[in-house]
N, C-alpha and C. Protein backbone atom coordinates (compact mmCIF):
# COMPACT_ATOMS: atom_id res chain seq x y z
N MET A 1 127.64 -129.73 17.72
CA MET A 1 128.44 -129.18 18.78
C MET A 1 127.57 -128.40 19.77
N ARG A 2 126.65 -127.62 19.25
CA ARG A 2 125.75 -126.84 20.09
C ARG A 2 124.90 -127.75 20.96
N ARG A 3 124.46 -128.84 20.39
CA ARG A 3 123.63 -129.82 21.11
C ARG A 3 124.41 -130.45 22.28
N GLN A 4 125.68 -130.76 22.05
CA GLN A 4 126.52 -131.34 23.10
C GLN A 4 126.77 -130.34 24.23
N LEU A 5 126.98 -129.08 23.89
CA LEU A 5 127.17 -128.06 24.92
C LEU A 5 125.90 -127.89 25.75
N LEU A 6 124.75 -127.89 25.10
CA LEU A 6 123.48 -127.75 25.81
C LEU A 6 123.25 -128.95 26.73
N THR A 7 123.55 -130.16 26.24
CA THR A 7 123.40 -131.38 27.05
C THR A 7 124.34 -131.33 28.25
N GLY A 8 125.59 -130.93 28.04
CA GLY A 8 126.55 -130.81 29.13
C GLY A 8 126.12 -129.78 30.16
N LEU A 9 125.60 -128.65 29.72
CA LEU A 9 125.14 -127.60 30.63
C LEU A 9 123.94 -128.08 31.44
N LEU A 10 122.99 -128.74 30.80
CA LEU A 10 121.81 -129.27 31.51
C LEU A 10 122.21 -130.33 32.53
N MET A 11 123.14 -131.20 32.17
CA MET A 11 123.60 -132.23 33.11
C MET A 11 124.31 -131.59 34.31
N THR A 12 125.10 -130.57 34.05
CA THR A 12 125.80 -129.86 35.14
C THR A 12 124.79 -129.23 36.09
N ILE A 13 123.80 -128.56 35.55
CA ILE A 13 122.77 -127.91 36.38
C ILE A 13 121.98 -128.97 37.16
N THR A 14 121.57 -130.04 36.48
CA THR A 14 120.79 -131.10 37.13
C THR A 14 121.58 -131.75 38.26
N LEU A 15 122.82 -132.13 38.01
CA LEU A 15 123.64 -132.78 39.04
C LEU A 15 123.97 -131.82 40.18
N THR A 16 124.16 -130.55 39.87
CA THR A 16 124.42 -129.57 40.92
C THR A 16 123.22 -129.46 41.85
N VAL A 17 122.03 -129.39 41.28
CA VAL A 17 120.81 -129.30 42.11
C VAL A 17 120.62 -130.59 42.90
N LEU A 18 120.76 -131.74 42.24
CA LEU A 18 120.55 -133.01 42.93
C LEU A 18 121.59 -133.27 44.02
N LEU A 19 122.86 -133.14 43.67
CA LEU A 19 123.92 -133.49 44.62
C LEU A 19 124.34 -132.34 45.53
N GLY A 20 124.06 -131.11 45.12
CA GLY A 20 124.44 -129.97 45.93
C GLY A 20 123.34 -129.45 46.82
N LEU A 21 122.08 -129.75 46.47
CA LEU A 21 120.95 -129.26 47.27
C LEU A 21 120.05 -130.37 47.79
N VAL A 22 119.51 -131.15 46.89
CA VAL A 22 118.53 -132.17 47.29
C VAL A 22 119.16 -133.21 48.21
N TYR A 23 120.27 -133.81 47.79
CA TYR A 23 120.91 -134.86 48.59
C TYR A 23 121.29 -134.37 49.99
N PRO A 24 121.99 -133.23 50.14
CA PRO A 24 122.32 -132.77 51.50
C PRO A 24 121.08 -132.51 52.37
N PHE A 25 120.01 -131.94 51.80
CA PHE A 25 118.80 -131.69 52.58
C PHE A 25 118.13 -132.99 53.01
N VAL A 26 118.11 -133.98 52.13
CA VAL A 26 117.52 -135.27 52.48
C VAL A 26 118.34 -135.95 53.58
N MET A 27 119.66 -135.96 53.44
CA MET A 27 120.51 -136.58 54.46
C MET A 27 120.40 -135.85 55.80
N THR A 28 120.33 -134.52 55.76
CA THR A 28 120.16 -133.75 56.99
C THR A 28 118.83 -134.08 57.66
N GLY A 29 117.78 -134.20 56.85
CA GLY A 29 116.46 -134.56 57.40
C GLY A 29 116.46 -135.94 58.03
N ILE A 30 117.08 -136.91 57.37
CA ILE A 30 117.16 -138.27 57.92
C ILE A 30 117.95 -138.25 59.22
N ALA A 31 119.07 -137.53 59.25
CA ALA A 31 119.91 -137.46 60.45
C ALA A 31 119.14 -136.82 61.60
N GLN A 32 118.38 -135.78 61.32
CA GLN A 32 117.62 -135.11 62.38
C GLN A 32 116.55 -136.01 62.96
N VAL A 33 115.96 -136.84 62.13
CA VAL A 33 114.90 -137.74 62.61
C VAL A 33 115.50 -138.97 63.30
N ALA A 34 116.46 -139.60 62.66
CA ALA A 34 116.98 -140.87 63.17
C ALA A 34 118.09 -140.72 64.23
N PHE A 35 118.90 -139.67 64.12
CA PHE A 35 120.04 -139.49 65.02
C PHE A 35 120.10 -138.04 65.52
N HIS A 36 119.01 -137.56 66.07
CA HIS A 36 118.89 -136.15 66.42
C HIS A 36 120.04 -135.66 67.31
N ASP A 37 120.36 -136.38 68.37
CA ASP A 37 121.41 -135.94 69.29
C ASP A 37 122.76 -135.87 68.60
N ARG A 38 123.12 -136.91 67.89
CA ARG A 38 124.43 -136.94 67.22
C ARG A 38 124.50 -135.92 66.08
N ALA A 39 123.41 -135.74 65.37
CA ALA A 39 123.41 -134.80 64.25
C ALA A 39 123.62 -133.37 64.72
N ASN A 40 123.30 -133.09 65.96
CA ASN A 40 123.44 -131.74 66.50
C ASN A 40 124.67 -131.58 67.37
N GLY A 41 125.63 -132.50 67.31
CA GLY A 41 126.90 -132.34 68.00
C GLY A 41 127.05 -133.11 69.29
N SER A 42 126.05 -133.87 69.71
CA SER A 42 126.12 -134.66 70.94
C SER A 42 126.56 -133.82 72.14
N PHE A 43 125.95 -132.64 72.27
CA PHE A 43 126.30 -131.74 73.36
C PHE A 43 125.90 -132.33 74.70
N VAL A 44 126.73 -132.09 75.70
CA VAL A 44 126.46 -132.54 77.06
C VAL A 44 126.12 -131.29 77.88
N GLU A 45 124.97 -131.34 78.54
CA GLU A 45 124.53 -130.21 79.34
C GLU A 45 124.56 -130.56 80.82
N GLU A 46 124.86 -129.54 81.62
CA GLU A 46 124.80 -129.67 83.07
C GLU A 46 124.12 -128.41 83.60
N HIS A 47 123.03 -128.60 84.30
CA HIS A 47 122.25 -127.48 84.84
C HIS A 47 121.84 -126.51 83.73
N GLY A 48 121.47 -127.07 82.57
CA GLY A 48 121.00 -126.25 81.45
C GLY A 48 122.09 -125.55 80.67
N LYS A 49 123.34 -125.80 80.98
CA LYS A 49 124.46 -125.16 80.29
C LYS A 49 125.29 -126.22 79.57
N VAL A 50 125.64 -125.95 78.32
CA VAL A 50 126.47 -126.88 77.56
C VAL A 50 127.88 -126.83 78.11
N VAL A 51 128.40 -128.01 78.50
CA VAL A 51 129.75 -128.10 79.07
C VAL A 51 130.72 -128.84 78.16
N GLY A 52 130.24 -129.31 77.03
CA GLY A 52 131.11 -130.01 76.09
C GLY A 52 130.31 -130.90 75.18
N SER A 53 131.03 -131.74 74.46
CA SER A 53 130.43 -132.72 73.56
C SER A 53 130.96 -134.09 73.93
N SER A 54 130.09 -135.09 73.87
CA SER A 54 130.55 -136.44 74.18
C SER A 54 131.41 -137.02 73.05
N LEU A 55 131.52 -136.29 71.94
CA LEU A 55 132.31 -136.75 70.80
C LEU A 55 133.68 -136.09 70.70
N ILE A 56 133.91 -135.04 71.49
CA ILE A 56 135.18 -134.31 71.41
C ILE A 56 135.77 -134.20 72.81
N GLY A 57 137.01 -134.62 72.95
CA GLY A 57 137.68 -134.56 74.24
C GLY A 57 137.95 -133.13 74.66
N GLN A 58 138.26 -132.96 75.92
CA GLN A 58 138.65 -131.65 76.43
C GLN A 58 139.59 -131.84 77.60
N SER A 59 140.34 -130.80 77.88
CA SER A 59 141.32 -130.86 78.96
C SER A 59 140.67 -130.53 80.30
N PHE A 60 141.18 -131.11 81.35
CA PHE A 60 140.75 -130.82 82.72
C PHE A 60 141.99 -130.37 83.47
N VAL A 61 142.22 -129.06 83.45
CA VAL A 61 143.46 -128.51 84.00
C VAL A 61 143.18 -127.43 85.03
N LEU A 62 144.21 -127.15 85.82
CA LEU A 62 144.16 -126.04 86.77
C LEU A 62 144.46 -124.74 86.04
N LYS A 63 144.35 -123.62 86.72
CA LYS A 63 144.58 -122.32 86.09
C LYS A 63 145.99 -122.18 85.52
N ASP A 64 146.96 -122.87 86.12
CA ASP A 64 148.34 -122.78 85.61
C ASP A 64 148.59 -123.73 84.44
N GLY A 65 147.57 -124.48 84.02
CA GLY A 65 147.69 -125.38 82.87
C GLY A 65 148.11 -126.79 83.21
N SER A 66 148.39 -127.06 84.48
CA SER A 66 148.77 -128.42 84.88
C SER A 66 147.50 -129.26 85.07
N PRO A 67 147.61 -130.58 84.93
CA PRO A 67 146.44 -131.45 85.07
C PRO A 67 145.80 -131.32 86.46
N ASP A 68 144.48 -131.23 86.49
CA ASP A 68 143.75 -131.14 87.75
C ASP A 68 143.65 -132.55 88.34
N PRO A 69 144.26 -132.79 89.51
CA PRO A 69 144.26 -134.15 90.07
C PRO A 69 142.88 -134.67 90.47
N LYS A 70 141.89 -133.79 90.59
CA LYS A 70 140.54 -134.21 90.96
C LYS A 70 139.77 -134.82 89.80
N TYR A 71 140.32 -134.72 88.60
CA TYR A 71 139.62 -135.20 87.42
C TYR A 71 140.45 -136.23 86.66
N PHE A 72 139.73 -137.13 86.00
CA PHE A 72 140.38 -138.07 85.09
C PHE A 72 140.91 -137.25 83.92
N GLN A 73 142.08 -137.61 83.45
CA GLN A 73 142.71 -136.89 82.36
C GLN A 73 142.52 -137.65 81.05
N PRO A 74 142.26 -136.92 79.97
CA PRO A 74 142.11 -137.56 78.65
C PRO A 74 143.46 -137.93 78.09
N ARG A 75 143.43 -138.58 76.93
CA ARG A 75 144.69 -138.88 76.28
C ARG A 75 145.26 -137.60 75.69
N PRO A 76 146.55 -137.56 75.41
CA PRO A 76 147.15 -136.33 74.85
C PRO A 76 146.50 -135.97 73.51
N SER A 77 146.56 -134.69 73.18
CA SER A 77 145.98 -134.22 71.93
C SER A 77 147.03 -133.47 71.12
N ALA A 78 147.06 -133.74 69.82
CA ALA A 78 147.96 -133.02 68.92
C ALA A 78 147.18 -132.01 68.09
N ALA A 79 145.92 -131.75 68.46
CA ALA A 79 145.07 -130.83 67.70
C ALA A 79 145.23 -129.41 68.24
N GLY A 80 145.98 -128.59 67.56
CA GLY A 80 146.19 -127.20 67.98
C GLY A 80 146.81 -127.14 69.36
N ASP A 81 146.19 -126.35 70.24
CA ASP A 81 146.67 -126.23 71.62
C ASP A 81 146.08 -127.32 72.50
N GLY A 82 145.45 -128.30 71.90
CA GLY A 82 144.85 -129.41 72.64
C GLY A 82 143.34 -129.40 72.49
N TYR A 83 142.83 -130.40 71.85
CA TYR A 83 141.39 -130.58 71.64
C TYR A 83 140.75 -129.41 70.92
N ASP A 84 141.48 -128.82 69.98
CA ASP A 84 140.96 -127.74 69.16
C ASP A 84 140.30 -128.35 67.93
N ALA A 85 138.97 -128.36 67.91
CA ALA A 85 138.24 -129.00 66.80
C ALA A 85 138.50 -128.31 65.47
N MET A 86 138.95 -127.08 65.48
CA MET A 86 139.27 -126.37 64.24
C MET A 86 140.64 -126.77 63.70
N SER A 87 141.39 -127.53 64.48
CA SER A 87 142.73 -127.93 64.09
C SER A 87 142.93 -129.43 64.29
N SER A 88 141.91 -130.19 63.96
CA SER A 88 141.94 -131.64 64.18
C SER A 88 143.05 -132.30 63.36
N GLY A 89 143.75 -133.21 64.01
CA GLY A 89 144.77 -133.96 63.30
C GLY A 89 145.82 -134.51 64.24
N GLY A 90 146.52 -135.49 63.78
CA GLY A 90 147.60 -136.10 64.55
C GLY A 90 148.88 -135.32 64.36
N SER A 91 149.93 -135.80 64.99
CA SER A 91 151.23 -135.12 64.91
C SER A 91 151.98 -135.47 63.63
N ASN A 92 151.59 -136.57 62.99
CA ASN A 92 152.25 -137.10 61.80
C ASN A 92 153.67 -137.60 62.07
N ASP A 93 154.02 -137.77 63.34
CA ASP A 93 155.31 -138.36 63.68
C ASP A 93 155.19 -139.88 63.59
N GLY A 94 156.12 -140.50 62.87
CA GLY A 94 156.10 -141.95 62.72
C GLY A 94 156.69 -142.65 63.93
N PRO A 95 156.56 -143.99 64.01
CA PRO A 95 157.03 -144.74 65.16
C PRO A 95 158.53 -144.61 65.43
N SER A 96 159.31 -144.28 64.42
CA SER A 96 160.75 -144.15 64.64
C SER A 96 161.18 -142.69 64.77
N SER A 97 160.23 -141.77 64.82
CA SER A 97 160.54 -140.34 64.93
C SER A 97 161.15 -140.03 66.30
N PRO A 98 162.32 -139.40 66.33
CA PRO A 98 162.92 -139.03 67.62
C PRO A 98 162.01 -138.09 68.42
N THR A 99 161.29 -137.22 67.73
CA THR A 99 160.37 -136.30 68.40
C THR A 99 159.28 -137.08 69.13
N LEU A 100 158.68 -138.05 68.43
CA LEU A 100 157.62 -138.85 69.05
C LEU A 100 158.18 -139.65 70.22
N LEU A 101 159.33 -140.25 70.04
CA LEU A 101 159.93 -141.05 71.12
C LEU A 101 160.23 -140.19 72.35
N ASP A 102 160.74 -138.98 72.13
CA ASP A 102 161.00 -138.07 73.24
C ASP A 102 159.70 -137.64 73.92
N ASP A 103 158.68 -137.31 73.10
CA ASP A 103 157.38 -136.89 73.65
C ASP A 103 156.76 -138.00 74.49
N VAL A 104 156.78 -139.22 73.98
CA VAL A 104 156.19 -140.35 74.69
C VAL A 104 156.95 -140.62 75.99
N SER A 105 158.27 -140.56 75.93
CA SER A 105 159.07 -140.77 77.15
C SER A 105 158.72 -139.74 78.22
N GLU A 106 158.59 -138.49 77.81
CA GLU A 106 158.24 -137.42 78.76
C GLU A 106 156.82 -137.62 79.29
N ARG A 107 155.91 -138.02 78.43
CA ARG A 107 154.52 -138.26 78.87
C ARG A 107 154.44 -139.43 79.85
N ILE A 108 155.24 -140.47 79.61
CA ILE A 108 155.25 -141.62 80.53
C ILE A 108 155.71 -141.17 81.91
N LYS A 109 156.78 -140.40 81.93
CA LYS A 109 157.32 -139.88 83.20
C LYS A 109 156.27 -139.02 83.92
N SER A 110 155.64 -138.11 83.18
CA SER A 110 154.62 -137.23 83.77
C SER A 110 153.41 -138.01 84.27
N TYR A 111 152.99 -139.01 83.50
CA TYR A 111 151.83 -139.82 83.87
C TYR A 111 152.11 -140.56 85.18
N ARG A 112 153.29 -141.16 85.27
CA ARG A 112 153.66 -141.88 86.50
C ARG A 112 153.72 -140.94 87.70
N GLU A 113 154.30 -139.77 87.51
CA GLU A 113 154.38 -138.79 88.61
C GLU A 113 152.99 -138.34 89.04
N LEU A 114 152.15 -137.98 88.08
CA LEU A 114 150.81 -137.48 88.39
C LEU A 114 150.00 -138.52 89.16
N ASN A 115 150.14 -139.77 88.77
CA ASN A 115 149.32 -140.83 89.36
C ASN A 115 150.01 -141.59 90.50
N GLY A 116 151.20 -141.15 90.89
CA GLY A 116 151.91 -141.77 92.01
C GLY A 116 152.32 -143.20 91.73
N LEU A 117 152.72 -143.48 90.50
CA LEU A 117 153.13 -144.83 90.11
C LEU A 117 154.65 -144.98 90.23
N SER A 118 155.09 -146.19 90.38
CA SER A 118 156.53 -146.45 90.46
C SER A 118 157.16 -146.18 89.09
N PRO A 119 158.46 -145.91 89.04
CA PRO A 119 159.14 -145.63 87.77
C PRO A 119 159.10 -146.80 86.77
N SER A 120 158.79 -147.99 87.24
CA SER A 120 158.74 -149.14 86.33
C SER A 120 157.31 -149.60 86.04
N ALA A 121 156.31 -148.89 86.57
CA ALA A 121 154.91 -149.30 86.37
C ALA A 121 154.53 -149.18 84.89
N PRO A 122 153.83 -150.18 84.37
CA PRO A 122 153.39 -150.10 82.98
C PRO A 122 152.36 -148.98 82.82
N VAL A 123 152.40 -148.32 81.67
CA VAL A 123 151.50 -147.21 81.37
C VAL A 123 150.72 -147.56 80.09
N PRO A 124 149.39 -147.42 80.11
CA PRO A 124 148.61 -147.72 78.91
C PRO A 124 149.02 -146.81 77.74
N VAL A 125 149.05 -147.36 76.57
CA VAL A 125 149.52 -146.62 75.40
C VAL A 125 148.65 -145.39 75.13
N ASP A 126 147.34 -145.47 75.41
CA ASP A 126 146.48 -144.32 75.14
C ASP A 126 146.73 -143.17 76.11
N ALA A 127 147.44 -143.41 77.19
CA ALA A 127 147.75 -142.35 78.15
C ALA A 127 148.91 -141.48 77.68
N VAL A 128 149.67 -141.96 76.70
CA VAL A 128 150.88 -141.24 76.29
C VAL A 128 150.97 -140.97 74.80
N THR A 129 149.96 -141.38 74.03
CA THR A 129 149.95 -141.11 72.59
C THR A 129 148.64 -140.43 72.21
N ALA A 130 148.73 -139.51 71.27
CA ALA A 130 147.53 -138.81 70.79
C ALA A 130 146.81 -139.67 69.76
N SER A 131 145.52 -139.48 69.65
CA SER A 131 144.75 -140.20 68.64
C SER A 131 144.99 -139.56 67.28
N GLY A 132 144.53 -140.21 66.23
CA GLY A 132 144.71 -139.69 64.87
C GLY A 132 144.05 -138.33 64.67
N SER A 133 142.91 -138.11 65.31
CA SER A 133 142.21 -136.83 65.15
C SER A 133 142.67 -135.80 66.17
N GLY A 134 143.21 -136.28 67.29
CA GLY A 134 143.57 -135.38 68.37
C GLY A 134 142.38 -134.95 69.20
N LEU A 135 141.21 -135.54 68.93
CA LEU A 135 139.98 -135.12 69.60
C LEU A 135 139.30 -136.25 70.36
N ASP A 136 139.95 -137.39 70.50
CA ASP A 136 139.33 -138.57 71.09
C ASP A 136 138.83 -138.28 72.51
N PRO A 137 137.52 -138.48 72.78
CA PRO A 137 136.97 -138.20 74.10
C PRO A 137 137.10 -139.36 75.08
N ASP A 138 137.57 -140.50 74.60
CA ASP A 138 137.59 -141.72 75.42
C ASP A 138 139.00 -142.13 75.81
N ILE A 139 139.07 -142.83 76.94
CA ILE A 139 140.32 -143.47 77.35
C ILE A 139 140.03 -144.95 77.59
N SER A 140 141.08 -145.74 77.67
CA SER A 140 140.90 -147.17 77.92
C SER A 140 140.49 -147.38 79.37
N VAL A 141 139.91 -148.53 79.64
CA VAL A 141 139.52 -148.88 81.00
C VAL A 141 140.77 -148.98 81.88
N ALA A 142 141.86 -149.52 81.34
CA ALA A 142 143.11 -149.63 82.10
C ALA A 142 143.62 -148.25 82.50
N ASN A 143 143.54 -147.31 81.60
CA ASN A 143 143.97 -145.94 81.88
C ASN A 143 143.10 -145.34 83.00
N ALA A 144 141.79 -145.52 82.91
CA ALA A 144 140.88 -144.99 83.94
C ALA A 144 141.16 -145.63 85.30
N ARG A 145 141.39 -146.93 85.31
CA ARG A 145 141.65 -147.62 86.59
C ARG A 145 142.94 -147.14 87.24
N LEU A 146 143.97 -146.85 86.42
CA LEU A 146 145.22 -146.36 86.99
C LEU A 146 145.06 -144.94 87.56
N GLN A 147 144.18 -144.16 86.99
CA GLN A 147 143.96 -142.79 87.48
C GLN A 147 143.02 -142.75 88.69
N ALA A 148 142.27 -143.81 88.93
CA ALA A 148 141.25 -143.83 89.98
C ALA A 148 141.81 -143.53 91.37
N ALA A 149 142.96 -144.09 91.70
CA ALA A 149 143.54 -143.88 93.04
C ALA A 149 143.85 -142.40 93.26
N ARG A 150 144.43 -141.74 92.26
CA ARG A 150 144.75 -140.32 92.36
C ARG A 150 143.48 -139.49 92.54
N VAL A 151 142.48 -139.76 91.73
CA VAL A 151 141.22 -139.01 91.81
C VAL A 151 140.57 -139.22 93.17
N ALA A 152 140.59 -140.44 93.66
CA ALA A 152 139.99 -140.73 94.98
C ALA A 152 140.72 -139.96 96.08
N ARG A 153 142.06 -139.94 96.03
CA ARG A 153 142.84 -139.18 97.03
C ARG A 153 142.52 -137.69 96.96
N ALA A 154 142.49 -137.14 95.75
CA ALA A 154 142.26 -135.71 95.57
C ALA A 154 140.86 -135.29 96.02
N ARG A 155 139.91 -136.22 95.92
CA ARG A 155 138.53 -135.90 96.30
C ARG A 155 138.17 -136.43 97.69
N ASP A 156 139.13 -137.07 98.32
CA ASP A 156 138.92 -137.66 99.65
C ASP A 156 137.72 -138.61 99.64
N ARG A 157 137.74 -139.52 98.67
CA ARG A 157 136.69 -140.52 98.51
C ARG A 157 137.34 -141.89 98.51
N PRO A 158 136.59 -142.92 98.86
CA PRO A 158 137.16 -144.27 98.78
C PRO A 158 137.44 -144.63 97.31
N GLU A 159 138.58 -145.27 97.09
CA GLU A 159 138.93 -145.68 95.73
C GLU A 159 137.88 -146.61 95.15
N SER A 160 137.29 -147.45 95.98
CA SER A 160 136.27 -148.39 95.50
C SER A 160 135.06 -147.63 94.91
N ARG A 161 134.73 -146.49 95.49
CA ARG A 161 133.62 -145.68 94.98
C ARG A 161 133.94 -145.11 93.60
N VAL A 162 135.17 -144.66 93.45
CA VAL A 162 135.60 -144.11 92.15
C VAL A 162 135.65 -145.22 91.11
N LEU A 163 136.15 -146.40 91.48
CA LEU A 163 136.19 -147.52 90.54
C LEU A 163 134.79 -147.97 90.15
N THR A 164 133.83 -147.85 91.08
CA THR A 164 132.44 -148.18 90.74
C THR A 164 131.92 -147.22 89.68
N LEU A 165 132.27 -145.94 89.80
CA LEU A 165 131.88 -144.97 88.77
C LEU A 165 132.54 -145.26 87.43
N VAL A 166 133.80 -145.68 87.47
CA VAL A 166 134.49 -146.05 86.23
C VAL A 166 133.74 -147.20 85.56
N ALA A 167 133.39 -148.21 86.33
CA ALA A 167 132.66 -149.36 85.77
C ALA A 167 131.31 -148.94 85.21
N ALA A 168 130.62 -148.03 85.91
CA ALA A 168 129.30 -147.59 85.47
C ALA A 168 129.38 -146.75 84.18
N HIS A 169 130.52 -146.14 83.94
CA HIS A 169 130.67 -145.30 82.75
C HIS A 169 131.56 -145.93 81.68
N THR A 170 131.72 -147.25 81.77
CA THR A 170 132.48 -147.97 80.75
C THR A 170 131.54 -148.33 79.62
N ASP A 171 131.91 -147.92 78.41
CA ASP A 171 131.11 -148.21 77.22
C ASP A 171 131.61 -149.50 76.58
N ASP A 172 130.67 -150.32 76.13
CA ASP A 172 131.02 -151.60 75.51
C ASP A 172 131.68 -151.36 74.15
N ARG A 173 132.21 -152.41 73.59
CA ARG A 173 132.81 -152.35 72.26
C ARG A 173 131.75 -151.94 71.24
N GLN A 174 132.17 -151.24 70.19
CA GLN A 174 131.24 -150.87 69.13
C GLN A 174 130.69 -152.13 68.47
N LEU A 175 129.39 -152.17 68.31
CA LEU A 175 128.68 -153.31 67.73
C LEU A 175 128.93 -154.60 68.51
N GLY A 176 129.47 -154.47 69.72
CA GLY A 176 129.69 -155.63 70.57
C GLY A 176 130.97 -156.39 70.31
N PHE A 177 131.72 -156.03 69.23
CA PHE A 177 132.94 -156.78 68.94
C PHE A 177 134.08 -155.94 68.37
N LEU A 178 133.83 -154.68 68.02
CA LEU A 178 134.88 -153.84 67.43
C LEU A 178 135.61 -153.05 68.51
N GLY A 179 136.93 -153.06 68.46
CA GLY A 179 137.72 -152.26 69.38
C GLY A 179 137.69 -152.79 70.80
N GLU A 180 137.95 -151.90 71.73
CA GLU A 180 137.99 -152.24 73.15
C GLU A 180 136.96 -151.43 73.90
N LYS A 181 136.69 -151.83 75.13
CA LYS A 181 135.81 -151.04 75.98
C LYS A 181 136.51 -149.72 76.30
N THR A 182 135.72 -148.66 76.41
CA THR A 182 136.28 -147.34 76.66
C THR A 182 135.50 -146.61 77.74
N VAL A 183 136.08 -145.52 78.21
CA VAL A 183 135.44 -144.67 79.21
C VAL A 183 135.46 -143.24 78.66
N ASN A 184 134.28 -142.61 78.58
CA ASN A 184 134.18 -141.23 78.13
C ASN A 184 134.58 -140.33 79.30
N VAL A 185 135.66 -139.58 79.13
CA VAL A 185 136.24 -138.79 80.22
C VAL A 185 135.28 -137.71 80.71
N LEU A 186 134.63 -137.00 79.79
CA LEU A 186 133.70 -135.94 80.20
C LEU A 186 132.55 -136.51 81.01
N ASP A 187 131.94 -137.58 80.53
CA ASP A 187 130.82 -138.19 81.27
C ASP A 187 131.24 -138.65 82.65
N LEU A 188 132.41 -139.27 82.75
CA LEU A 188 132.90 -139.76 84.03
C LEU A 188 133.19 -138.61 84.99
N ASN A 189 133.82 -137.55 84.48
CA ASN A 189 134.14 -136.41 85.35
C ASN A 189 132.87 -135.69 85.81
N LEU A 190 131.87 -135.61 84.96
CA LEU A 190 130.61 -135.00 85.38
C LEU A 190 129.93 -135.85 86.47
N ALA A 191 130.02 -137.17 86.32
CA ALA A 191 129.45 -138.06 87.35
C ALA A 191 130.19 -137.90 88.65
N LEU A 192 131.51 -137.72 88.60
CA LEU A 192 132.30 -137.50 89.81
C LEU A 192 131.83 -136.24 90.55
N ASP A 193 131.53 -135.20 89.80
CA ASP A 193 131.08 -133.95 90.41
C ASP A 193 129.73 -134.10 91.09
N GLN A 194 128.95 -135.10 90.69
CA GLN A 194 127.62 -135.31 91.29
C GLN A 194 127.70 -136.06 92.62
N VAL A 195 128.82 -136.76 92.83
CA VAL A 195 128.97 -137.57 94.06
C VAL A 195 129.34 -136.65 95.20
N ARG A 196 128.59 -136.76 96.27
CA ARG A 196 128.84 -135.92 97.45
C ARG A 196 129.43 -136.74 98.57
């Protein structure tokens, strides 16, 4: 019995050191060498100041909390008060939830009003539904194209110029075949600010 207890204790200590210390340090070292930017949060800097992360969405709003028409808007977020990385998660409302149906209906109406679309204009699903994490930094190309006219008007720029920026900031499918093409909202909005 004593021998079994000693063996169990030694195995516990050995596995704790290996899996609790050695493994995390090795993985951290590999990440720092092979994926330095991503391992450190994929921070986006402008003029030497961190303005966000390319992996976490953020809101572009006016002081009163309404969407800023000069910027592309991200998809809705169910994470805390919106894009709160400490409160990541979806709403957990199912497709038949009256709450979700009401929220989506209201978001469709707001999206059409903000972008000057007709009451019957189709709206991309990512414009009115939150992602599973609530932190998605990307929108669909269709969503970006529908917002381009509003952004161009608000910035007094030709719509073709804004659409060129959308195309330049469109990311290909993951591994070339997974998912759809996307547009990183933060990167696109920063590029908009650079255009004079």
